[in-house]
Amino acid sequence: MEFDDLSNRVIGLAIEVHRNLGPGLLESTYEHCLASELADSSIPFQLQVPLPVIYKHKKIDCGYHVDVLVADSLILELKSVDKIAPIHEAQLLTYMKLAHIRTGLLINFNVKFLKEGIKRMVL
């Protein structure tokens, strides 16, 4: 699968974080370290972006947050779990639909080699 330039850059930065920290830490640790890498690379991003649900034309704040929104065009859903489950994929797809963002990366840092923990999803 061919990745776009932004996805490739973000994956490279996530690999750098994983290379330095390894698996086994909390998701929030990876999130903040990846944010540092994004900032150092001058890639615009936001952390923990509120994501309301639109229900019958009303905005309902249900407490959902996008882990990392990169350049207003890429959602990163970060995990540190034994194994990615179908619910994690469904979560990312739903966040992408709610945010009207076509591309997302599901990144599980709790793996030996990060390339095994990355899944790119497109609507």
PDB file of N, CA and C in Angstrom:
ATOM      1  N   MET A   1       0.849  -1.177   0.000  1.00  0.00           N
ATOM      2  CA  MET A   1       0.000   0.000   0.000  1.00  0.00           C
ATOM      3  C   MET A   1       0.894   1.240   0.000  1.00  0.00           C
ATOM      4  N   GLU A   2       0.586   2.161  -0.873  1.00  0.00           N
ATOM      5  CA  GLU A   2       1.331   3.407  -0.988  1.00  0.00           C
ATOM      6  C   GLU A   2       0.780   4.424   0.011  1.00  0.00           C
ATOM      7  N   PHE A   3       1.649   5.007   0.821  1.00  0.00           N
ATOM      8  CA  PHE A   3       1.225   6.027   1.779  1.00  0.00           C
ATOM      9  C   PHE A   3       1.507   7.404   1.206  1.00  0.00           C
ATOM     10  N   ASP A   4       0.693   8.386   1.586  1.00  0.00           N
ATOM     11  CA  ASP A   4       0.951   9.754   1.170  1.00  0.00           C
ATOM     12  C   ASP A   4       2.138  10.307   1.962  1.00  0.00           C
ATOM     13  N   ASP A   5       2.657  11.451   1.529  1.00  0.00           N
ATOM     14  CA  ASP A   5       3.851  12.035   2.136  1.00  0.00           C
ATOM     15  C   ASP A   5       3.664  12.318   3.625  1.00  0.00           C
ATOM     16  N   LEU A   6       2.521  12.886   3.999  1.00  0.00           N
ATOM     17  CA  LEU A   6       2.285  13.207   5.410  1.00  0.00           C
ATOM     18  C   LEU A   6       2.267  11.940   6.258  1.00  0.00           C
ATOM     19  N   SER A   7       1.559  10.914   5.804  1.00  0.00           N
ATOM     20  CA  SER A   7       1.533   9.641   6.541  1.00  0.00           C
ATOM     21  C   SER A   7       2.938   9.070   6.692  1.00  0.00           C
ATOM     22  N   ASN A   8       3.719   9.111   5.616  1.00  0.00           N
ATOM     23  CA  ASN A   8       5.095   8.605   5.678  1.00  0.00           C
ATOM     24  C   ASN A   8       5.935   9.367   6.692  1.00  0.00           C
ATOM     25  N   ARG A   9       5.797  10.687   6.711  1.00  0.00           N
ATOM     26  CA  ARG A   9       6.570  11.495   7.663  1.00  0.00           C
ATOM     27  C   ARG A   9       6.170  11.168   9.096  1.00  0.00           C
ATOM     28  N   VAL A  10       4.867  11.065   9.344  1.00  0.00           N
ATOM     29  CA  VAL A  10       4.380  10.760  10.696  1.00  0.00           C
ATOM     30  C   VAL A  10       4.823   9.367  11.118  1.00  0.00           C
ATOM     31  N   ILE A  11       4.742   8.404  10.225  1.00  0.00           N
ATOM     32  CA  ILE A  11       5.192   7.040  10.547  1.00  0.00           C
ATOM     33  C   ILE A  11       6.675   7.048  10.895  1.00  0.00           C
ATOM     34  N   GLY A  12       7.470   7.787  10.149  1.00  0.00           N
ATOM     35  CA  GLY A  12       8.895   7.893  10.447  1.00  0.00           C
ATOM     36  C   GLY A  12       9.148   8.462  11.833  1.00  0.00           C
ATOM     37  N   LEU A  13       8.374   9.468  12.218  1.00  0.00           N
ATOM     38  CA  LEU A  13       8.522  10.056  13.549  1.00  0.00           C
ATOM     39  C   LEU A  13       8.062   9.085  14.636  1.00  0.00           C
ATOM     40  N   ALA A  14       6.987   8.353  14.374  1.00  0.00           N
ATOM     41  CA  ALA A  14       6.520   7.355  15.344  1.00  0.00           C
ATOM     42  C   ALA A  14       7.567   6.256  15.520  1.00  0.00           C
ATOM     43  N   ILE A  15       8.199   5.859  14.434  1.00  0.00           N
ATOM     44  CA  ILE A  15       9.267   4.852  14.518  1.00  0.00           C
ATOM     45  C   ILE A  15      10.423   5.389  15.348  1.00  0.00           C
ATOM     46  N   GLU A  16      10.741   6.664  15.192  1.00  0.00           N
ATOM     47  CA  GLU A  16      11.811   7.284  15.989  1.00  0.00           C
ATOM     48  C   GLU A  16      11.471   7.244  17.482  1.00  0.00           C
ATOM     49  N   VAL A  17      10.228   7.568  17.818  1.00  0.00           N
ATOM     50  CA  VAL A  17       9.790   7.506  19.217  1.00  0.00           C
ATOM     51  C   VAL A  17       9.917   6.081  19.732  1.00  0.00           C
ATOM     52  N   HIS A  18       9.424   5.118  18.957  1.00  0.00           N
ATOM     53  CA  HIS A  18       9.465   3.714  19.374  1.00  0.00           C
ATOM     54  C   HIS A  18      10.899   3.222  19.496  1.00  0.00           C
ATOM     55  N   ARG A  19      11.754   3.632  18.587  1.00  0.00           N
ATOM     56  CA  ARG A  19      13.165   3.229  18.617  1.00  0.00           C
ATOM     57  C   ARG A  19      13.834   3.708  19.912  1.00  0.00           C
ATOM     58  N   ASN A  20      13.465   4.897  20.360  1.00  0.00           N
ATOM     59  CA  ASN A  20      14.058   5.461  21.572  1.00  0.00           C
ATOM     60  C   ASN A  20      13.441   4.934  22.857  1.00  0.00           C
ATOM     61  N   LEU A  21      12.142   4.657  22.851  1.00  0.00           N
ATOM     62  CA  LEU A  21      11.451   4.252  24.083  1.00  0.00           C
ATOM     63  C   LEU A  21      11.194   2.759  24.184  1.00  0.00           C
ATOM     64  N   GLY A  22      10.955   2.103  23.034  1.00  0.00           N
ATOM     65  CA  GLY A  22      10.582   0.697  23.060  1.00  0.00           C
ATOM     66  C   GLY A  22       9.143   0.524  23.495  1.00  0.00           C
ATOM     67  N   PRO A  23       8.675  -0.729  23.558  1.00  0.00           N
ATOM     68  CA  PRO A  23       7.290  -1.011  23.961  1.00  0.00           C
ATOM     69  C   PRO A  23       7.147  -0.986  25.481  1.00  0.00           C
ATOM     70  N   GLY A  24       5.883  -0.979  25.939  1.00  0.00           N
ATOM     71  CA  GLY A  24       5.608  -1.195  27.351  1.00  0.00           C
ATOM     72  C   GLY A  24       5.267   0.028  28.174  1.00  0.00           C
ATOM     73  N   LEU A  25       5.231   1.214  27.571  1.00  0.00           N
ATOM     74  CA  LEU A  25       4.899   2.418  28.320  1.00  0.00           C
ATOM     75  C   LEU A  25       3.434   2.780  28.105  1.00  0.00           C
ATOM     76  N   LEU A  26       2.979   3.777  28.827  1.00  0.00           N
ATOM     77  CA  LEU A  26       1.605   4.234  28.682  1.00  0.00           C
ATOM     78  C   LEU A  26       1.412   4.955  27.356  1.00  0.00           C
ATOM     79  N   GLU A  27       0.207   4.866  26.829  1.00  0.00           N
ATOM     80  CA  GLU A  27      -0.144   5.544  25.587  1.00  0.00           C
ATOM     81  C   GLU A  27       0.190   7.037  25.646  1.00  0.00           C
ATOM     82  N   SER A  28      -0.088   7.662  26.784  1.00  0.00           N
ATOM     83  CA  SER A  28       0.148   9.105  26.926  1.00  0.00           C
ATOM     84  C   SER A  28       1.620   9.465  26.769  1.00  0.00           C
ATOM     85  N   THR A  29       2.512   8.583  27.167  1.00  0.00           N
ATOM     86  CA  THR A  29       3.946   8.831  27.003  1.00  0.00           C
ATOM     87  C   THR A  29       4.298   8.902  25.528  1.00  0.00           C
ATOM     88  N   TYR A  30       3.813   7.951  24.762  1.00  0.00           N
ATOM     89  CA  TYR A  30       4.077   7.949  23.324  1.00  0.00           C
ATOM     90  C   TYR A  30       3.447   9.179  22.666  1.00  0.00           C
ATOM     91  N   GLU A  31       2.253   9.536  23.109  1.00  0.00           N
ATOM     92  CA  GLU A  31       1.560  10.697  22.546  1.00  0.00           C
ATOM     93  C   GLU A  31       2.396  11.965  22.717  1.00  0.00           C
ATOM     94  N   HIS A  32       2.906  12.192  23.918  1.00  0.00           N
ATOM     95  CA  HIS A  32       3.670  13.413  24.178  1.00  0.00           C
ATOM     96  C   HIS A  32       5.028  13.405  23.482  1.00  0.00           C
ATOM     97  N   CYS A  33       5.645  12.252  23.404  1.00  0.00           N
ATOM     98  CA  CYS A  33       6.922  12.163  22.694  1.00  0.00           C
ATOM     99  C   CYS A  33       6.732  12.344  21.190  1.00  0.00           C
ATOM    100  N   LEU A  34       5.659  11.783  20.642  1.00  0.00           N
ATOM    101  CA  LEU A  34       5.369  11.984  19.231  1.00  0.00           C
ATOM    102  C   LEU A  34       5.036  13.455  18.964  1.00  0.00           C
ATOM    103  N   ALA A  35       4.330  14.087  19.880  1.00  0.00           N
ATOM    104  CA  ALA A  35       4.041  15.522  19.748  1.00  0.00           C
ATOM    105  C   ALA A  35       5.334  16.328  19.699  1.00  0.00           C
ATOM    106  N   SER A  36       6.300  15.961  20.501  1.00  0.00           N
ATOM    107  CA  SER A  36       7.601  16.637  20.485  1.00  0.00           C
ATOM    108  C   SER A  36       8.275  16.483  19.126  1.00  0.00           C
ATOM    109  N   GLU A  37       8.213  15.272  18.571  1.00  0.00           N
ATOM    110  CA  GLU A  37       8.808  15.019  17.249  1.00  0.00           C
ATOM    111  C   GLU A  37       8.084  15.813  16.153  1.00  0.00           C
ATOM    112  N   LEU A  38       6.758  15.869  16.232  1.00  0.00           N
ATOM    113  CA  LEU A  38       5.985  16.625  15.252  1.00  0.00           C
ATOM    114  C   LEU A  38       6.344  18.112  15.329  1.00  0.00           C
ATOM    115  N   ALA A  39       6.434  18.635  16.538  1.00  0.00           N
ATOM    116  CA  ALA A  39       6.792  20.045  16.719  1.00  0.00           C
ATOM    117  C   ALA A  39       8.195  20.327  16.179  1.00  0.00           C
ATOM    118  N   ASP A  40       9.145  19.447  16.499  1.00  0.00           N
ATOM    119  CA  ASP A  40      10.519  19.621  16.021  1.00  0.00           C
ATOM    120  C   ASP A  40      10.600  19.562  14.499  1.00  0.00           C
ATOM    121  N   SER A  41       9.648  18.866  13.873  1.00  0.00           N
ATOM    122  CA  SER A  41       9.616  18.732  12.411  1.00  0.00           C
ATOM    123  C   SER A  41       8.728  19.783  11.750  1.00  0.00           C
ATOM    124  N   SER A  42       8.216  20.712  12.556  1.00  0.00           N
ATOM    125  CA  SER A  42       7.342  21.785  12.059  1.00  0.00           C
ATOM    126  C   SER A  42       6.105  21.253  11.336  1.00  0.00           C
ATOM    127  N   ILE A  43       5.585  20.142  11.830  1.00  0.00           N
ATOM    128  CA  ILE A  43       4.343  19.573  11.300  1.00  0.00           C
ATOM    129  C   ILE A  43       3.214  20.016  12.240  1.00  0.00           C
ATOM    130  N   PRO A  44       2.221  20.729  11.727  1.00  0.00           N
ATOM    131  CA  PRO A  44       1.144  21.205  12.596  1.00  0.00           C
ATOM    132  C   PRO A  44       0.303  20.054  13.140  1.00  0.00           C
ATOM    133  N   PHE A  45      -0.064  20.155  14.413  1.00  0.00           N
ATOM    134  CA  PHE A  45      -0.847  19.104  15.053  1.00  0.00           C
ATOM    135  C   PHE A  45      -1.578  19.675  16.255  1.00  0.00           C
ATOM    136  N   GLN A  46      -2.563  18.911  16.714  1.00  0.00           N
ATOM    137  CA  GLN A  46      -3.284  19.211  17.948  1.00  0.00           C
ATOM    138  C   GLN A  46      -3.439  17.905  18.718  1.00  0.00           C
ATOM    139  N   LEU A  47      -3.331  17.986  20.028  1.00  0.00           N
ATOM    140  CA  LEU A  47      -3.527  16.817  20.885  1.00  0.00           C
ATOM    141  C   LEU A  47      -4.910  16.850  21.519  1.00  0.00           C
ATOM    142  N   GLN A  48      -5.482  15.678  21.702  1.00  0.00           N
ATOM    143  CA  GLN A  48      -6.743  15.501  22.432  1.00  0.00           C
ATOM    144  C   GLN A  48      -7.818  16.484  21.965  1.00  0.00           C
ATOM    145  N   VAL A  49      -8.097  16.442  20.662  1.00  0.00           N
ATOM    146  CA  VAL A  49      -9.077  17.334  20.052  1.00  0.00           C
ATOM    147  C   VAL A  49     -10.484  16.814  20.363  1.00  0.00           C
ATOM    148  N   PRO A  50     -11.328  17.647  21.004  1.00  0.00           N
ATOM    149  CA  PRO A  50     -12.691  17.213  21.304  1.00  0.00           C
ATOM    150  C   PRO A  50     -13.435  16.836  20.025  1.00  0.00           C
ATOM    151  N   LEU A  51     -14.222  15.780  20.120  1.00  0.00           N
ATOM    152  CA  LEU A  51     -14.954  15.282  18.962  1.00  0.00           C
ATOM    153  C   LEU A  51     -16.414  15.061  19.359  1.00  0.00           C
ATOM    154  N   PRO A  52     -17.245  16.081  19.140  1.00  0.00           N
ATOM    155  CA  PRO A  52     -18.663  15.912  19.500  1.00  0.00           C
ATOM    156  C   PRO A  52     -19.368  14.976  18.531  1.00  0.00           C
ATOM    157  N   VAL A  53     -20.448  14.421  18.992  1.00  0.00           N
ATOM    158  CA  VAL A  53     -21.318  13.595  18.162  1.00  0.00           C
ATOM    159  C   VAL A  53     -22.457  14.493  17.693  1.00  0.00           C
ATOM    160  N   ILE A  54     -22.757  14.432  16.401  1.00  0.00           N
ATOM    161  CA  ILE A  54     -23.909  15.170  15.887  1.00  0.00           C
ATOM    162  C   ILE A  54     -25.086  14.201  15.859  1.00  0.00           C
ATOM    163  N   TYR A  55     -26.071  14.509  16.683  1.00  0.00           N
ATOM    164  CA  TYR A  55     -27.245  13.647  16.796  1.00  0.00           C
ATOM    165  C   TYR A  55     -28.484  14.488  16.526  1.00  0.00           C
ATOM    166  N   LYS A  56     -29.197  14.128  15.469  1.00  0.00           N
ATOM    167  CA  LYS A  56     -30.394  14.870  15.075  1.00  0.00           C
ATOM    168  C   LYS A  56     -30.116  16.372  15.020  1.00  0.00           C
ATOM    169  N   HIS A  57     -29.023  16.721  14.336  1.00  0.00           N
ATOM    170  CA  HIS A  57     -28.609  18.102  14.096  1.00  0.00           C
ATOM    171  C   HIS A  57     -28.183  18.842  15.360  1.00  0.00           C
ATOM    172  N   LYS A  58     -27.925  18.106  16.431  1.00  0.00           N
ATOM    173  CA  LYS A  58     -27.445  18.728  17.673  1.00  0.00           C
ATOM    174  C   LYS A  58     -26.039  18.216  17.974  1.00  0.00           C
ATOM    175  N   LYS A  59     -25.168  19.121  18.420  1.00  0.00           N
ATOM    176  CA  LYS A  59     -23.841  18.724  18.880  1.00  0.00           C
ATOM    177  C   LYS A  59     -23.967  18.200  20.303  1.00  0.00           C
ATOM    178  N   ILE A  60     -23.544  16.961  20.493  1.00  0.00           N
ATOM    179  CA  ILE A  60     -23.594  16.343  21.815  1.00  0.00           C
ATOM    180  C   ILE A  60     -22.164  16.030  22.242  1.00  0.00           C
ATOM    181  N   ASP A  61     -21.744  16.618  23.351  1.00  0.00           N
ATOM    182  CA  ASP A  61     -20.399  16.344  23.854  1.00  0.00           C
ATOM    183  C   ASP A  61     -20.455  15.057  24.674  1.00  0.00           C
ATOM    184  N   CYS A  62     -19.867  13.995  24.106  1.00  0.00           N
ATOM    185  CA  CYS A  62     -19.883  12.689  24.776  1.00  0.00           C
ATOM    186  C   CYS A  62     -18.517  12.348  25.372  1.00  0.00           C
ATOM    187  N   GLY A  63     -17.587  13.282  25.306  1.00  0.00           N
ATOM    188  CA  GLY A  63     -16.274  13.040  25.889  1.00  0.00           C
ATOM    189  C   GLY A  63     -15.276  12.384  24.960  1.00  0.00           C
ATOM    190  N   TYR A  64     -15.604  12.274  23.673  1.00  0.00           N
ATOM    191  CA  TYR A  64     -14.660  11.680  22.731  1.00  0.00           C
ATOM    192  C   TYR A  64     -13.588  12.700  22.360  1.00  0.00           C
ATOM    193  N   HIS A  65     -12.367  12.192  22.156  1.00  0.00           N
ATOM    194  CA  HIS A  65     -11.241  13.037  21.756  1.00  0.00           C
ATOM    195  C   HIS A  65     -10.388  12.288  20.742  1.00  0.00           C
ATOM    196  N   VAL A  66      -9.944  13.010  19.723  1.00  0.00           N
ATOM    197  CA  VAL A  66      -8.961  12.478  18.782  1.00  0.00           C
ATOM    198  C   VAL A  66      -7.610  12.588  19.474  1.00  0.00           C
ATOM    199  N   ASP A  67      -6.843  11.496  19.521  1.00  0.00           N
ATOM    200  CA  ASP A  67      -5.538  11.542  20.186  1.00  0.00           C
ATOM    201  C   ASP A  67      -4.656  12.624  19.580  1.00  0.00           C
ATOM    202  N   VAL A  68      -4.432  12.537  18.266  1.00  0.00           N
ATOM    203  CA  VAL A  68      -3.598  13.523  17.569  1.00  0.00           C
ATOM    204  C   VAL A  68      -4.242  13.815  16.216  1.00  0.00           C
ATOM    205  N   LEU A  69      -4.449  15.099  15.942  1.00  0.00           N
ATOM    206  CA  LEU A  69      -4.922  15.536  14.635  1.00  0.00           C
ATOM    207  C   LEU A  69      -3.750  16.249  13.971  1.00  0.00           C
ATOM    208  N   VAL A  70      -3.294  15.709  12.843  1.00  0.00           N
ATOM    209  CA  VAL A  70      -2.117  16.235  12.154  1.00  0.00           C
ATOM    210  C   VAL A  70      -2.562  17.008  10.918  1.00  0.00           C
ATOM    211  N   ALA A  71      -2.141  18.273  10.871  1.00  0.00           N
ATOM    212  CA  ALA A  71      -2.379  19.128   9.703  1.00  0.00           C
ATOM    213  C   ALA A  71      -3.840  19.141   9.263  1.00  0.00           C
ATOM    214  N   ASP A  72      -4.744  19.009  10.198  1.00  0.00           N
ATOM    215  CA  ASP A  72      -6.186  19.003   9.920  1.00  0.00           C
ATOM    216  C   ASP A  72      -6.597  17.994   8.854  1.00  0.00           C
ATOM    217  N   SER A  73      -5.749  16.964   8.630  1.00  0.00           N
ATOM    218  CA  SER A  73      -6.071  16.015   7.562  1.00  0.00           C
ATOM    219  C   SER A  73      -5.736  14.563   7.881  1.00  0.00           C
ATOM    220  N   LEU A  74      -5.182  14.309   9.056  1.00  0.00           N
ATOM    221  CA  LEU A  74      -4.775  12.946   9.413  1.00  0.00           C
ATOM    222  C   LEU A  74      -5.044  12.729  10.899  1.00  0.00           C
ATOM    223  N   ILE A  75      -5.826  11.696  11.213  1.00  0.00           N
ATOM    224  CA  ILE A  75      -6.102  11.345  12.610  1.00  0.00           C
ATOM    225  C   ILE A  75      -5.169  10.222  13.023  1.00  0.00           C
ATOM    226  N   LEU A  76      -4.543  10.391  14.182  1.00  0.00           N
ATOM    227  CA  LEU A  76      -3.721   9.334  14.770  1.00  0.00           C
ATOM    228  C   LEU A  76      -4.442   8.807  15.998  1.00  0.00           C
ATOM    229  N   GLU A  77      -4.710   7.531  16.009  1.00  0.00           N
ATOM    230  CA  GLU A  77      -5.265   6.863  17.184  1.00  0.00           C
ATOM    231  C   GLU A  77      -4.139   6.012  17.753  1.00  0.00           C
ATOM    232  N   LEU A  78      -3.654   6.401  18.908  1.00  0.00           N
ATOM    233  CA  LEU A  78      -2.498   5.735  19.507  1.00  0.00           C
ATOM    234  C   LEU A  78      -2.943   4.714  20.535  1.00  0.00           C
ATOM    235  N   LYS A  79      -2.258   3.592  20.533  1.00  0.00           N
ATOM    236  CA  LYS A  79      -2.545   2.508  21.475  1.00  0.00           C
ATOM    237  C   LYS A  79      -1.241   1.974  22.045  1.00  0.00           C
ATOM    238  N   SER A  80      -1.355   1.350  23.198  1.00  0.00           N
ATOM    239  CA  SER A  80      -0.263   0.585  23.788  1.00  0.00           C
ATOM    240  C   SER A  80      -0.903  -0.653  24.405  1.00  0.00           C
ATOM    241  N   VAL A  81      -1.262  -1.581  23.520  1.00  0.00           N
ATOM    242  CA  VAL A  81      -2.031  -2.768  23.910  1.00  0.00           C
ATOM    243  C   VAL A  81      -1.341  -4.025  23.392  1.00  0.00           C
ATOM    244  N   ASP A  82      -1.730  -5.175  23.950  1.00  0.00           N
ATOM    245  CA  ASP A  82      -1.141  -6.438  23.509  1.00  0.00           C
ATOM    246  C   ASP A  82      -1.401  -6.696  22.031  1.00  0.00           C
ATOM    247  N   LYS A  83      -2.617  -6.384  21.599  1.00  0.00           N
ATOM    248  CA  LYS A  83      -3.000  -6.665  20.220  1.00  0.00           C
ATOM    249  C   LYS A  83      -4.104  -5.704  19.802  1.00  0.00           C
ATOM    250  N   ILE A  84      -4.016  -5.215  18.581  1.00  0.00           N
ATOM    251  CA  ILE A  84      -5.085  -4.375  18.038  1.00  0.00           C
ATOM    252  C   ILE A  84      -6.318  -5.256  17.841  1.00  0.00           C
ATOM    253  N   ALA A  85      -7.440  -4.782  18.353  1.00  0.00           N
ATOM    254  CA  ALA A  85      -8.705  -5.510  18.238  1.00  0.00           C
ATOM    255  C   ALA A  85      -9.596  -4.811  17.209  1.00  0.00           C
ATOM    256  N   PRO A  86     -10.577  -5.523  16.679  1.00  0.00           N
ATOM    257  CA  PRO A  86     -11.504  -4.896  15.723  1.00  0.00           C
ATOM    258  C   PRO A  86     -12.161  -3.619  16.269  1.00  0.00           C
ATOM    259  N   ILE A  87     -12.399  -3.559  17.573  1.00  0.00           N
ATOM    260  CA  ILE A  87     -13.014  -2.359  18.159  1.00  0.00           C
ATOM    261  C   ILE A  87     -12.112  -1.142  18.004  1.00  0.00           C
ATOM    262  N   HIS A  88     -10.788  -1.335  18.019  1.00  0.00           N
ATOM    263  CA  HIS A  88      -9.853  -0.215  17.827  1.00  0.00           C
ATOM    264  C   HIS A  88      -9.961   0.331  16.403  1.00  0.00           C
ATOM    265  N   GLU A  89     -10.089  -0.571  15.447  1.00  0.00           N
ATOM    266  CA  GLU A  89     -10.254  -0.153  14.050  1.00  0.00           C
ATOM    267  C   GLU A  89     -11.586   0.567  13.875  1.00  0.00           C
ATOM    268  N   ALA A  90     -12.641   0.040  14.477  1.00  0.00           N
ATOM    269  CA  ALA A  90     -13.961   0.666  14.391  1.00  0.00           C
ATOM    270  C   ALA A  90     -13.933   2.052  15.031  1.00  0.00           C
ATOM    271  N   GLN A  91     -13.230   2.172  16.134  1.00  0.00           N
ATOM    272  CA  GLN A  91     -13.111   3.460  16.822  1.00  0.00           C
ATOM    273  C   GLN A  91     -12.478   4.497  15.891  1.00  0.00           C
ATOM    274  N   LEU A  92     -11.365   4.151  15.257  1.00  0.00           N
ATOM    275  CA  LEU A  92     -10.692   5.088  14.359  1.00  0.00           C
ATOM    276  C   LEU A  92     -11.610   5.455  13.187  1.00  0.00           C
ATOM    277  N   LEU A  93     -12.240   4.473  12.576  1.00  0.00           N
ATOM    278  CA  LEU A  93     -13.134   4.759  11.452  1.00  0.00           C
ATOM    279  C   LEU A  93     -14.277   5.690  11.871  1.00  0.00           C
ATOM    280  N   THR A  94     -14.840   5.474  13.036  1.00  0.00           N
ATOM    281  CA  THR A  94     -15.924   6.327  13.522  1.00  0.00           C
ATOM    282  C   THR A  94     -15.417   7.745  13.775  1.00  0.00           C
ATOM    283  N   TYR A  95     -14.246   7.878  14.384  1.00  0.00           N
ATOM    284  CA  TYR A  95     -13.670   9.206  14.614  1.00  0.00           C
ATOM    285  C   TYR A  95     -13.430   9.919  13.286  1.00  0.00           C
ATOM    286  N   MET A  96     -12.958   9.184  12.284  1.00  0.00           N
ATOM    287  CA  MET A  96     -12.722   9.777  10.970  1.00  0.00           C
ATOM    288  C   MET A  96     -14.034  10.281  10.368  1.00  0.00           C
ATOM    289  N   LYS A  97     -15.089   9.484  10.484  1.00  0.00           N
ATOM    290  CA  LYS A  97     -16.390   9.895   9.954  1.00  0.00           C
ATOM    291  C   LYS A  97     -16.918  11.126  10.691  1.00  0.00           C
ATOM    292  N   LEU A  98     -16.859  11.117  12.019  1.00  0.00           N
ATOM    293  CA  LEU A  98     -17.363  12.241  12.808  1.00  0.00           C
ATOM    294  C   LEU A  98     -16.595  13.528  12.520  1.00  0.00           C
ATOM    295  N   ALA A  99     -15.280  13.401  12.285  1.00  0.00           N
ATOM    296  CA  ALA A  99     -14.424  14.570  12.060  1.00  0.00           C
ATOM    297  C   ALA A  99     -14.343  14.968  10.588  1.00  0.00           C
ATOM    298  N   HIS A 100     -14.928  14.149   9.716  1.00  0.00           N
ATOM    299  CA  HIS A 100     -14.851  14.390   8.265  1.00  0.00           C
ATOM    300  C   HIS A 100     -13.391  14.421   7.786  1.00  0.00           C
ATOM    301  N   ILE A 101     -12.612  13.481   8.295  1.00  0.00           N
ATOM    302  CA  ILE A 101     -11.202  13.320   7.916  1.00  0.00           C
ATOM    303  C   ILE A 101     -11.098  11.966   7.215  1.00  0.00           C
ATOM    304  N   ARG A 102     -10.518  11.951   6.035  1.00  0.00           N
ATOM    305  CA  ARG A 102     -10.508  10.735   5.211  1.00  0.00           C
ATOM    306  C   ARG A 102      -9.407   9.737   5.572  1.00  0.00           C
ATOM    307  N   THR A 103      -8.338  10.173   6.241  1.00  0.00           N
ATOM    308  CA  THR A 103      -7.204   9.284   6.471  1.00  0.00           C
ATOM    309  C   THR A 103      -6.870   9.206   7.959  1.00  0.00           C
ATOM    310  N   GLY A 104      -6.564   7.997   8.411  1.00  0.00           N
ATOM    311  CA  GLY A 104      -6.180   7.806   9.802  1.00  0.00           C
ATOM    312  C   GLY A 104      -5.113   6.737   9.937  1.00  0.00           C
ATOM    313  N   LEU A 105      -4.348   6.861  10.993  1.00  0.00           N
ATOM    314  CA  LEU A 105      -3.345   5.842  11.326  1.00  0.00           C
ATOM    315  C   LEU A 105      -3.642   5.312  12.722  1.00  0.00           C
ATOM    316  N   LEU A 106      -3.758   4.011  12.823  1.00  0.00           N
ATOM    317  CA  LEU A 106      -3.887   3.326  14.099  1.00  0.00           C
ATOM    318  C   LEU A 106      -2.483   2.821  14.432  1.00  0.00           C
ATOM    319  N   ILE A 107      -1.904   3.335  15.516  1.00  0.00           N
ATOM    320  CA  ILE A 107      -0.517   3.009  15.842  1.00  0.00           C
ATOM    321  C   ILE A 107      -0.471   2.373  17.224  1.00  0.00           C
ATOM    322  N   ASN A 108      -0.047   1.117  17.280  1.00  0.00           N
ATOM    323  CA  ASN A 108       0.125   0.394  18.540  1.00  0.00           C
ATOM    324  C   ASN A 108       1.612   0.345  18.867  1.00  0.00           C
ATOM    325  N   PHE A 109       2.010   1.049  19.923  1.00  0.00           N
ATOM    326  CA  PHE A 109       3.413   1.116  20.311  1.00  0.00           C
ATOM    327  C   PHE A 109       3.879  -0.102  21.109  1.00  0.00           C
ATOM    328  N   ASN A 110       2.958  -0.970  21.507  1.00  0.00           N
ATOM    329  CA  ASN A 110       3.329  -2.117  22.340  1.00  0.00           C
ATOM    330  C   ASN A 110       3.657  -3.345  21.481  1.00  0.00           C
ATOM    331  N   VAL A 111       4.593  -3.151  20.547  1.00  0.00           N
ATOM    332  CA  VAL A 111       5.045  -4.218  19.664  1.00  0.00           C
ATOM    333  C   VAL A 111       6.569  -4.154  19.587  1.00  0.00           C
ATOM    334  N   LYS A 112       7.168  -5.256  19.168  1.00  0.00           N
ATOM    335  CA  LYS A 112       8.634  -5.291  19.062  1.00  0.00           C
ATOM    336  C   LYS A 112       9.128  -4.372  17.945  1.00  0.00           C
ATOM    337  N   PHE A 113       8.485  -4.451  16.783  1.00  0.00           N
ATOM    338  CA  PHE A 113       8.830  -3.620  15.636  1.00  0.00           C
ATOM    339  C   PHE A 113       7.605  -2.791  15.275  1.00  0.00           C
ATOM    340  N   LEU A 114       7.740  -1.472  15.305  1.00  0.00           N
ATOM    341  CA  LEU A 114       6.575  -0.613  15.147  1.00  0.00           C
ATOM    342  C   LEU A 114       5.850  -0.829  13.827  1.00  0.00           C
ATOM    343  N   LYS A 115       6.579  -1.169  12.759  1.00  0.00           N
ATOM    344  CA  LYS A 115       5.893  -1.373  11.477  1.00  0.00           C
ATOM    345  C   LYS A 115       4.812  -2.440  11.575  1.00  0.00           C
ATOM    346  N   GLU A 116       4.931  -3.357  12.538  1.00  0.00           N
ATOM    347  CA  GLU A 116       3.905  -4.371  12.764  1.00  0.00           C
ATOM    348  C   GLU A 116       2.697  -3.831  13.506  1.00  0.00           C
ATOM    349  N   GLY A 117       2.837  -2.635  14.082  1.00  0.00           N
ATOM    350  CA  GLY A 117       1.754  -2.060  14.880  1.00  0.00           C
ATOM    351  C   GLY A 117       1.046  -0.899  14.216  1.00  0.00           C
ATOM    352  N   ILE A 118       1.259  -0.708  12.910  1.00  0.00           N
ATOM    353  CA  ILE A 118       0.657   0.430  12.206  1.00  0.00           C
ATOM    354  C   ILE A 118      -0.369  -0.058  11.190  1.00  0.00           C
ATOM    355  N   LYS A 119      -1.533   0.561  11.233  1.00  0.00           N
ATOM    356  CA  LYS A 119      -2.572   0.280  10.236  1.00  0.00           C
ATOM    357  C   LYS A 119      -3.086   1.615   9.724  1.00  0.00           C
ATOM    358  N   ARG A 120      -3.044   1.782   8.411  1.00  0.00           N
ATOM    359  CA  ARG A 120      -3.561   2.996   7.777  1.00  0.00           C
ATOM    360  C   ARG A 120      -4.958   2.711   7.282  1.00  0.00           C
ATOM    361  N   MET A 121      -5.867   3.673   7.552  1.00  0.00           N
ATOM    362  CA  MET A 121      -7.259   3.502   7.138  1.00  0.00           C
ATOM    363  C   MET A 121      -7.693   4.729   6.340  1.00  0.00           C
ATOM    364  N   VAL A 122      -8.474   4.483   5.292  1.00  0.00           N
ATOM    365  CA  VAL A 122      -8.957   5.547   4.431  1.00  0.00           C
ATOM    366  C   VAL A 122     -10.450   5.359   4.215  1.00  0.00           C
ATOM    367  N   LEU A 123     -11.186   6.457   4.320  1.00  0.00           N
ATOM    368  CA  LEU A 123     -12.632   6.408   4.042  1.00  0.00           C
ATOM    369  C   LEU A 123     -12.895   6.571   2.560  1.00  0.00           C
TER     370      LEU A 123
END
